[in-house]
Amino acid sequence: MTQYGSGYSPNFFTVKKGIKTRWVINSTNPYSCASSLVVPKYRINKYLEKGENIVEFTPTEAGDIHFSCSMGMYRGIIKVE
């Protein structure tokens, strides 16, 4: 995924339940609200530095995982199958 000053692209993707996910995020604008990534379900709160950032987690149940910037302006969904 790429983090721009105006949000995330793509802002929807699919992962598998029970399989460790390595989320690679390329940050192009570290001074934007979108550079503060929050995934409440997994207690992830990561400040994205310019360049490549890695977030790892293992989804434990099927469904949608919502993520956003810290202000909730830029959003996305990770679908767990």
PDB file of N, CA and C in Angstrom:
ATOM      1  N   MET A   1       0.846  -1.166   0.000  1.00  0.00           N
ATOM      2  CA  MET A   1       0.000   0.000   0.000  1.00  0.00           C
ATOM      3  C   MET A   1       0.897   1.236   0.000  1.00  0.00           C
ATOM      4  N   THR A   2       0.404   2.307  -0.588  1.00  0.00           N
ATOM      5  CA  THR A   2       1.123   3.576  -0.567  1.00  0.00           C
ATOM      6  C   THR A   2       0.305   4.602   0.207  1.00  0.00           C
ATOM      7  N   GLN A   3       0.981   5.327   1.076  1.00  0.00           N
ATOM      8  CA  GLN A   3       0.353   6.405   1.835  1.00  0.00           C
ATOM      9  C   GLN A   3       0.753   7.712   1.170  1.00  0.00           C
ATOM     10  N   TYR A   4      -0.265   8.438   0.713  1.00  0.00           N
ATOM     11  CA  TYR A   4      -0.063   9.756   0.111  1.00  0.00           C
ATOM     12  C   TYR A   4      -0.541  10.815   1.107  1.00  0.00           C
ATOM     13  N   GLY A   5      -0.348  12.062   0.778  1.00  0.00           N
ATOM     14  CA  GLY A   5      -0.853  13.136   1.620  1.00  0.00           C
ATOM     15  C   GLY A   5      -2.367  13.144   1.710  1.00  0.00           C
ATOM     16  N   SER A   6      -3.022  12.538   0.727  1.00  0.00           N
ATOM     17  CA  SER A   6      -4.486  12.537   0.679  1.00  0.00           C
ATOM     18  C   SER A   6      -5.096  11.168   0.957  1.00  0.00           C
ATOM     19  N   GLY A   7      -4.338  10.254   1.551  1.00  0.00           N
ATOM     20  CA  GLY A   7      -4.919   8.962   1.910  1.00  0.00           C
ATOM     21  C   GLY A   7      -4.067   7.773   1.514  1.00  0.00           C
ATOM     22  N   TYR A   8      -4.739   6.628   1.338  1.00  0.00           N
ATOM     23  CA  TYR A   8      -4.067   5.355   1.105  1.00  0.00           C
ATOM     24  C   TYR A   8      -4.514   4.728  -0.212  1.00  0.00           C
ATOM     25  N   SER A   9      -3.587   4.067  -0.895  1.00  0.00           N
ATOM     26  CA  SER A   9      -3.925   3.385  -2.141  1.00  0.00           C
ATOM     27  C   SER A   9      -3.118   2.094  -2.251  1.00  0.00           C
ATOM     28  N   PRO A  10      -3.779   0.950  -2.412  1.00  0.00           N
ATOM     29  CA  PRO A  10      -5.234   0.795  -2.329  1.00  0.00           C
ATOM     30  C   PRO A  10      -5.695   0.927  -0.884  1.00  0.00           C
ATOM     31  N   ASN A  11      -6.970   1.215  -0.721  1.00  0.00           N
ATOM     32  CA  ASN A  11      -7.493   1.330   0.638  1.00  0.00           C
ATOM     33  C   ASN A  11      -8.417   0.153   0.975  1.00  0.00           C
ATOM     34  N   PHE A  12      -8.318  -0.913   0.171  1.00  0.00           N
ATOM     35  CA  PHE A  12      -9.054  -2.153   0.427  1.00  0.00           C
ATOM     36  C   PHE A  12      -8.200  -3.309  -0.052  1.00  0.00           C
ATOM     37  N   PHE A  13      -8.005  -4.290   0.790  1.00  0.00           N
ATOM     38  CA  PHE A  13      -7.318  -5.503   0.361  1.00  0.00           C
ATOM     39  C   PHE A  13      -7.756  -6.672   1.216  1.00  0.00           C
ATOM     40  N   THR A  14      -7.403  -7.888   0.770  1.00  0.00           N
ATOM     41  CA  THR A  14      -7.851  -9.124   1.394  1.00  0.00           C
ATOM     42  C   THR A  14      -6.670  -9.921   1.925  1.00  0.00           C
ATOM     43  N   VAL A  15      -6.840 -10.496   3.125  1.00  0.00           N
ATOM     44  CA  VAL A  15      -5.829 -11.365   3.734  1.00  0.00           C
ATOM     45  C   VAL A  15      -6.524 -12.632   4.239  1.00  0.00           C
ATOM     46  N   LYS A  16      -5.741 -13.617   4.654  1.00  0.00           N
ATOM     47  CA  LYS A  16      -6.269 -14.898   5.127  1.00  0.00           C
ATOM     48  C   LYS A  16      -6.238 -14.985   6.652  1.00  0.00           C
ATOM     49  N   LYS A  17      -7.317 -15.490   7.211  1.00  0.00           N
ATOM     50  CA  LYS A  17      -7.419 -15.710   8.657  1.00  0.00           C
ATOM     51  C   LYS A  17      -6.340 -16.693   9.112  1.00  0.00           C
ATOM     52  N   GLY A  18      -5.690 -16.382  10.232  1.00  0.00           N
ATOM     53  CA  GLY A  18      -4.716 -17.277  10.833  1.00  0.00           C
ATOM     54  C   GLY A  18      -3.338 -17.263  10.204  1.00  0.00           C
ATOM     55  N   ILE A  19      -3.153 -16.476   9.157  1.00  0.00           N
ATOM     56  CA  ILE A  19      -1.854 -16.399   8.485  1.00  0.00           C
ATOM     57  C   ILE A  19      -1.230 -15.031   8.771  1.00  0.00           C
ATOM     58  N   LYS A  20       0.015 -15.058   9.234  1.00  0.00           N
ATOM     59  CA  LYS A  20       0.712 -13.808   9.550  1.00  0.00           C
ATOM     60  C   LYS A  20       0.745 -12.907   8.318  1.00  0.00           C
ATOM     61  N   THR A  21       0.340 -11.677   8.508  1.00  0.00           N
ATOM     62  CA  THR A  21       0.289 -10.699   7.423  1.00  0.00           C
ATOM     63  C   THR A  21       1.439  -9.714   7.574  1.00  0.00           C
ATOM     64  N   ARG A  22       2.158  -9.520   6.499  1.00  0.00           N
ATOM     65  CA  ARG A  22       3.241  -8.527   6.452  1.00  0.00           C
ATOM     66  C   ARG A  22       2.747  -7.401   5.553  1.00  0.00           C
ATOM     67  N   TRP A  23       2.383  -6.296   6.153  1.00  0.00           N
ATOM     68  CA  TRP A  23       1.787  -5.151   5.470  1.00  0.00           C
ATOM     69  C   TRP A  23       2.911  -4.164   5.173  1.00  0.00           C
ATOM     70  N   VAL A  24       3.233  -4.023   3.905  1.00  0.00           N
ATOM     71  CA  VAL A  24       4.302  -3.114   3.481  1.00  0.00           C
ATOM     72  C   VAL A  24       3.648  -1.812   3.034  1.00  0.00           C
ATOM     73  N   ILE A  25       4.037  -0.725   3.680  1.00  0.00           N
ATOM     74  CA  ILE A  25       3.435   0.580   3.408  1.00  0.00           C
ATOM     75  C   ILE A  25       4.532   1.551   2.994  1.00  0.00           C
ATOM     76  N   ASN A  26       4.394   2.092   1.795  1.00  0.00           N
ATOM     77  CA  ASN A  26       5.344   3.091   1.310  1.00  0.00           C
ATOM     78  C   ASN A  26       4.773   4.476   1.602  1.00  0.00           C
ATOM     79  N   SER A  27       5.434   5.217   2.455  1.00  0.00           N
ATOM     80  CA  SER A  27       4.971   6.552   2.822  1.00  0.00           C
ATOM     81  C   SER A  27       5.657   7.595   1.945  1.00  0.00           C
ATOM     82  N   THR A  28       4.846   8.373   1.231  1.00  0.00           N
ATOM     83  CA  THR A  28       5.388   9.417   0.360  1.00  0.00           C
ATOM     84  C   THR A  28       5.321  10.799   0.998  1.00  0.00           C
ATOM     85  N   ASN A  29       4.506  10.921   2.062  1.00  0.00           N
ATOM     86  CA  ASN A  29       4.324  12.220   2.699  1.00  0.00           C
ATOM     87  C   ASN A  29       4.229  12.043   4.214  1.00  0.00           C
ATOM     88  N   PRO A  30       5.361  12.060   4.911  1.00  0.00           N
ATOM     89  CA  PRO A  30       5.341  11.817   6.349  1.00  0.00           C
ATOM     90  C   PRO A  30       4.781  12.975   7.179  1.00  0.00           C
ATOM     91  N   TYR A  31       4.405  14.068   6.540  1.00  0.00           N
ATOM     92  CA  TYR A  31       3.891  15.224   7.275  1.00  0.00           C
ATOM     93  C   TYR A  31       2.383  15.382   7.125  1.00  0.00           C
ATOM     94  N   SER A  32       1.733  14.347   6.633  1.00  0.00           N
ATOM     95  CA  SER A  32       0.287  14.348   6.439  1.00  0.00           C
ATOM     96  C   SER A  32      -0.384  13.607   7.595  1.00  0.00           C
ATOM     97  N   CYS A  33      -1.641  13.894   7.826  1.00  0.00           N
ATOM     98  CA  CYS A  33      -2.417  13.149   8.821  1.00  0.00           C
ATOM     99  C   CYS A  33      -2.402  11.657   8.489  1.00  0.00           C
ATOM    100  N   ALA A  34      -2.378  11.314   7.204  1.00  0.00           N
ATOM    101  CA  ALA A  34      -2.393   9.911   6.781  1.00  0.00           C
ATOM    102  C   ALA A  34      -1.142   9.156   7.215  1.00  0.00           C
ATOM    103  N   SER A  35      -0.110   9.860   7.655  1.00  0.00           N
ATOM    104  CA  SER A  35       1.112   9.178   8.096  1.00  0.00           C
ATOM    105  C   SER A  35       0.969   8.600   9.506  1.00  0.00           C
ATOM    106  N   SER A  36      -0.144   8.857  10.147  1.00  0.00           N
ATOM    107  CA  SER A  36      -0.421   8.272  11.459  1.00  0.00           C
ATOM    108  C   SER A  36      -1.480   7.187  11.274  1.00  0.00           C
ATOM    109  N   LEU A  37      -1.047   5.939  11.189  1.00  0.00           N
ATOM    110  CA  LEU A  37      -1.919   4.807  10.870  1.00  0.00           C
ATOM    111  C   LEU A  37      -2.441   4.154  12.146  1.00  0.00           C
ATOM    112  N   VAL A  38      -3.769   3.953  12.201  1.00  0.00           N
ATOM    113  CA  VAL A  38      -4.407   3.357  13.368  1.00  0.00           C
ATOM    114  C   VAL A  38      -5.263   2.173  12.924  1.00  0.00           C
ATOM    115  N   VAL A  39      -5.055   1.026  13.585  1.00  0.00           N
ATOM    116  CA  VAL A  39      -5.874  -0.169  13.365  1.00  0.00           C
ATOM    117  C   VAL A  39      -6.376  -0.599  14.750  1.00  0.00           C
ATOM    118  N   PRO A  40      -7.514  -0.056  15.197  1.00  0.00           N
ATOM    119  CA  PRO A  40      -7.974  -0.293  16.567  1.00  0.00           C
ATOM    120  C   PRO A  40      -8.125  -1.770  16.944  1.00  0.00           C
ATOM    121  N   LYS A  41      -8.640  -2.593  16.039  1.00  0.00           N
ATOM    122  CA  LYS A  41      -8.893  -4.007  16.346  1.00  0.00           C
ATOM    123  C   LYS A  41      -7.633  -4.730  16.808  1.00  0.00           C
ATOM    124  N   TYR A  42      -6.484  -4.345  16.279  1.00  0.00           N
ATOM    125  CA  TYR A  42      -5.220  -4.996  16.633  1.00  0.00           C
ATOM    126  C   TYR A  42      -4.288  -4.077  17.423  1.00  0.00           C
ATOM    127  N   ARG A  43      -4.844  -3.000  17.942  1.00  0.00           N
ATOM    128  CA  ARG A  43      -4.088  -2.042  18.763  1.00  0.00           C
ATOM    129  C   ARG A  43      -2.807  -1.571  18.071  1.00  0.00           C
ATOM    130  N   ILE A  44      -2.938  -1.344  16.775  1.00  0.00           N
ATOM    131  CA  ILE A  44      -1.800  -0.839  15.997  1.00  0.00           C
ATOM    132  C   ILE A  44      -1.940   0.670  15.884  1.00  0.00           C
ATOM    133  N   ASN A  45      -0.904   1.368  16.258  1.00  0.00           N
ATOM    134  CA  ASN A  45      -0.845   2.824  16.140  1.00  0.00           C
ATOM    135  C   ASN A  45       0.575   3.136  15.686  1.00  0.00           C
ATOM    136  N   LYS A  46       0.738   3.371  14.390  1.00  0.00           N
ATOM    137  CA  LYS A  46       2.085   3.483  13.818  1.00  0.00           C
ATOM    138  C   LYS A  46       2.248   4.806  13.092  1.00  0.00           C
ATOM    139  N   TYR A  47       3.325   5.499  13.416  1.00  0.00           N
ATOM    140  CA  TYR A  47       3.698   6.692  12.665  1.00  0.00           C
ATOM    141  C   TYR A  47       4.526   6.221  11.474  1.00  0.00           C
ATOM    142  N   LEU A  48       4.081   6.549  10.268  1.00  0.00           N
ATOM    143  CA  LEU A  48       4.774   6.117   9.057  1.00  0.00           C
ATOM    144  C   LEU A  48       5.877   7.104   8.703  1.00  0.00           C
ATOM    145  N   GLU A  49       7.088   6.608   8.662  1.00  0.00           N
ATOM    146  CA  GLU A  49       8.220   7.426   8.238  1.00  0.00           C
ATOM    147  C   GLU A  49       8.328   7.356   6.722  1.00  0.00           C
ATOM    148  N   LYS A  50       8.959   8.350   6.114  1.00  0.00           N
ATOM    149  CA  LYS A  50       9.104   8.374   4.657  1.00  0.00           C
ATOM    150  C   LYS A  50       9.826   7.108   4.201  1.00  0.00           C
ATOM    151  N   GLY A  51       9.287   6.495   3.140  1.00  0.00           N
ATOM    152  CA  GLY A  51       9.862   5.261   2.622  1.00  0.00           C
ATOM    153  C   GLY A  51       9.065   4.054   3.077  1.00  0.00           C
ATOM    154  N   GLU A  52       9.738   2.907   3.127  1.00  0.00           N
ATOM    155  CA  GLU A  52       9.070   1.646   3.437  1.00  0.00           C
ATOM    156  C   GLU A  52       8.874   1.451   4.938  1.00  0.00           C
ATOM    157  N   ASN A  53       7.652   1.092   5.301  1.00  0.00           N
ATOM    158  CA  ASN A  53       7.281   0.779   6.680  1.00  0.00           C
ATOM    159  C   ASN A  53       6.640  -0.607   6.682  1.00  0.00           C
ATOM    160  N   ILE A  54       6.895  -1.375   7.723  1.00  0.00           N
ATOM    161  CA  ILE A  54       6.351  -2.727   7.826  1.00  0.00           C
ATOM    162  C   ILE A  54       5.472  -2.823   9.069  1.00  0.00           C
ATOM    163  N   VAL A  55       4.269  -3.379   8.885  1.00  0.00           N
ATOM    164  CA  VAL A  55       3.371  -3.681   9.997  1.00  0.00           C
ATOM    165  C   VAL A  55       3.027  -5.162   9.873  1.00  0.00           C
ATOM    166  N   GLU A  56       3.225  -5.923  10.947  1.00  0.00           N
ATOM    167  CA  GLU A  56       2.908  -7.347  10.925  1.00  0.00           C
ATOM    168  C   GLU A  56       1.849  -7.660  11.974  1.00  0.00           C
ATOM    169  N   PHE A  57       0.893  -8.514  11.581  1.00  0.00           N
ATOM    170  CA  PHE A  57      -0.147  -8.965  12.499  1.00  0.00           C
ATOM    171  C   PHE A  57      -0.733 -10.258  11.946  1.00  0.00           C
ATOM    172  N   THR A  58      -1.423 -11.004  12.800  1.00  0.00           N
ATOM    173  CA  THR A  58      -2.084 -12.239  12.379  1.00  0.00           C
ATOM    174  C   THR A  58      -3.576 -12.095  12.641  1.00  0.00           C
ATOM    175  N   PRO A  59      -4.382 -12.028  11.570  1.00  0.00           N
ATOM    176  CA  PRO A  59      -5.830 -11.910  11.747  1.00  0.00           C
ATOM    177  C   PRO A  59      -6.390 -13.189  12.384  1.00  0.00           C
ATOM    178  N   THR A  60      -7.190 -13.042  13.419  1.00  0.00           N
ATOM    179  CA  THR A  60      -7.689 -14.198  14.159  1.00  0.00           C
ATOM    180  C   THR A  60      -9.129 -14.578  13.827  1.00  0.00           C
ATOM    181  N   GLU A  61      -9.840 -13.724  13.114  1.00  0.00           N
ATOM    182  CA  GLU A  61     -11.216 -14.045  12.740  1.00  0.00           C
ATOM    183  C   GLU A  61     -11.573 -13.389  11.416  1.00  0.00           C
ATOM    184  N   ALA A  62     -12.514 -14.026  10.701  1.00  0.00           N
ATOM    185  CA  ALA A  62     -12.967 -13.491   9.416  1.00  0.00           C
ATOM    186  C   ALA A  62     -13.788 -12.224   9.648  1.00  0.00           C
ATOM    187  N   GLY A  63     -13.795 -11.355   8.643  1.00  0.00           N
ATOM    188  CA  GLY A  63     -14.560 -10.112   8.729  1.00  0.00           C
ATOM    189  C   GLY A  63     -13.734  -8.943   8.241  1.00  0.00           C
ATOM    190  N   ASP A  64     -14.212  -7.757   8.507  1.00  0.00           N
ATOM    191  CA  ASP A  64     -13.537  -6.540   8.064  1.00  0.00           C
ATOM    192  C   ASP A  64     -12.748  -5.906   9.204  1.00  0.00           C
ATOM    193  N   ILE A  65     -11.527  -5.490   8.890  1.00  0.00           N
ATOM    194  CA  ILE A  65     -10.689  -4.746   9.824  1.00  0.00           C
ATOM    195  C   ILE A  65     -10.589  -3.330   9.269  1.00  0.00           C
ATOM    196  N   HIS A  66     -11.018  -2.368  10.040  1.00  0.00           N
ATOM    197  CA  HIS A  66     -10.975  -0.977   9.597  1.00  0.00           C
ATOM    198  C   HIS A  66      -9.670  -0.325  10.039  1.00  0.00           C
ATOM    199  N   PHE A  67      -9.111   0.489   9.151  1.00  0.00           N
ATOM    200  CA  PHE A  67      -7.934   1.278   9.509  1.00  0.00           C
ATOM    201  C   PHE A  67      -8.149   2.702   9.040  1.00  0.00           C
ATOM    202  N   SER A  68      -7.409   3.626   9.645  1.00  0.00           N
ATOM    203  CA  SER A  68      -7.564   5.037   9.288  1.00  0.00           C
ATOM    204  C   SER A  68      -6.353   5.819   9.768  1.00  0.00           C
ATOM    205  N   CYS A  69      -6.358   7.095   9.422  1.00  0.00           N
ATOM    206  CA  CYS A  69      -5.389   8.009  10.025  1.00  0.00           C
ATOM    207  C   CYS A  69      -5.868   8.291  11.447  1.00  0.00           C
ATOM    208  N   SER A  70      -5.085   8.961  12.235  1.00  0.00           N
ATOM    209  CA  SER A  70      -5.448   9.199  13.635  1.00  0.00           C
ATOM    210  C   SER A  70      -6.687  10.080  13.799  1.00  0.00           C
ATOM    211  N   MET A  71      -7.014  10.873  12.792  1.00  0.00           N
ATOM    212  CA  MET A  71      -8.199  11.733  12.866  1.00  0.00           C
ATOM    213  C   MET A  71      -9.430  11.087  12.235  1.00  0.00           C
ATOM    214  N   GLY A  72      -9.255   9.929  11.584  1.00  0.00           N
ATOM    215  CA  GLY A  72     -10.368   9.244  10.943  1.00  0.00           C
ATOM    216  C   GLY A  72     -10.767   9.811   9.596  1.00  0.00           C
ATOM    217  N   MET A  73      -9.972  10.723   9.047  1.00  0.00           N
ATOM    218  CA  MET A  73     -10.293  11.351   7.759  1.00  0.00           C
ATOM    219  C   MET A  73     -10.034  10.412   6.583  1.00  0.00           C
ATOM    220  N   TYR A  74      -8.937   9.674   6.633  1.00  0.00           N
ATOM    221  CA  TYR A  74      -8.547   8.757   5.559  1.00  0.00           C
ATOM    222  C   TYR A  74      -8.725   7.347   6.083  1.00  0.00           C
ATOM    223  N   ARG A  75      -9.482   6.531   5.338  1.00  0.00           N
ATOM    224  CA  ARG A  75      -9.874   5.221   5.851  1.00  0.00           C
ATOM    225  C   ARG A  75      -9.631   4.107   4.847  1.00  0.00           C
ATOM    226  N   GLY A  76      -9.666   2.893   5.376  1.00  0.00           N
ATOM    227  CA  GLY A  76      -9.546   1.720   4.530  1.00  0.00           C
ATOM    228  C   GLY A  76     -10.052   0.490   5.260  1.00  0.00           C
ATOM    229  N   ILE A  77     -10.138  -0.608   4.506  1.00  0.00           N
ATOM    230  CA  ILE A  77     -10.637  -1.868   5.057  1.00  0.00           C
ATOM    231  C   ILE A  77      -9.735  -3.010   4.610  1.00  0.00           C
ATOM    232  N   ILE A  78      -9.413  -3.879   5.565  1.00  0.00           N
ATOM    233  CA  ILE A  78      -8.729  -5.130   5.273  1.00  0.00           C
ATOM    234  C   ILE A  78      -9.775  -6.223   5.457  1.00  0.00           C
ATOM    235  N   LYS A  79     -10.078  -6.960   4.397  1.00  0.00           N
ATOM    236  CA  LYS A  79     -11.053  -8.053   4.475  1.00  0.00           C
ATOM    237  C   LYS A  79     -10.310  -9.330   4.840  1.00  0.00           C
ATOM    238  N   VAL A  80     -10.755  -9.996   5.886  1.00  0.00           N
ATOM    239  CA  VAL A  80     -10.153 -11.255   6.326  1.00  0.00           C
ATOM    240  C   VAL A  80     -11.082 -12.391   5.917  1.00  0.00           C
ATOM    241  N   GLU A  81     -10.533 -13.332   5.140  1.00  0.00           N
ATOM    242  CA  GLU A  81     -11.326 -14.493   4.685  1.00  0.00           C
ATOM    243  C   GLU A  81     -10.910 -15.739   5.423  1.00  0.00           C
TER     244      GLU A  81
END
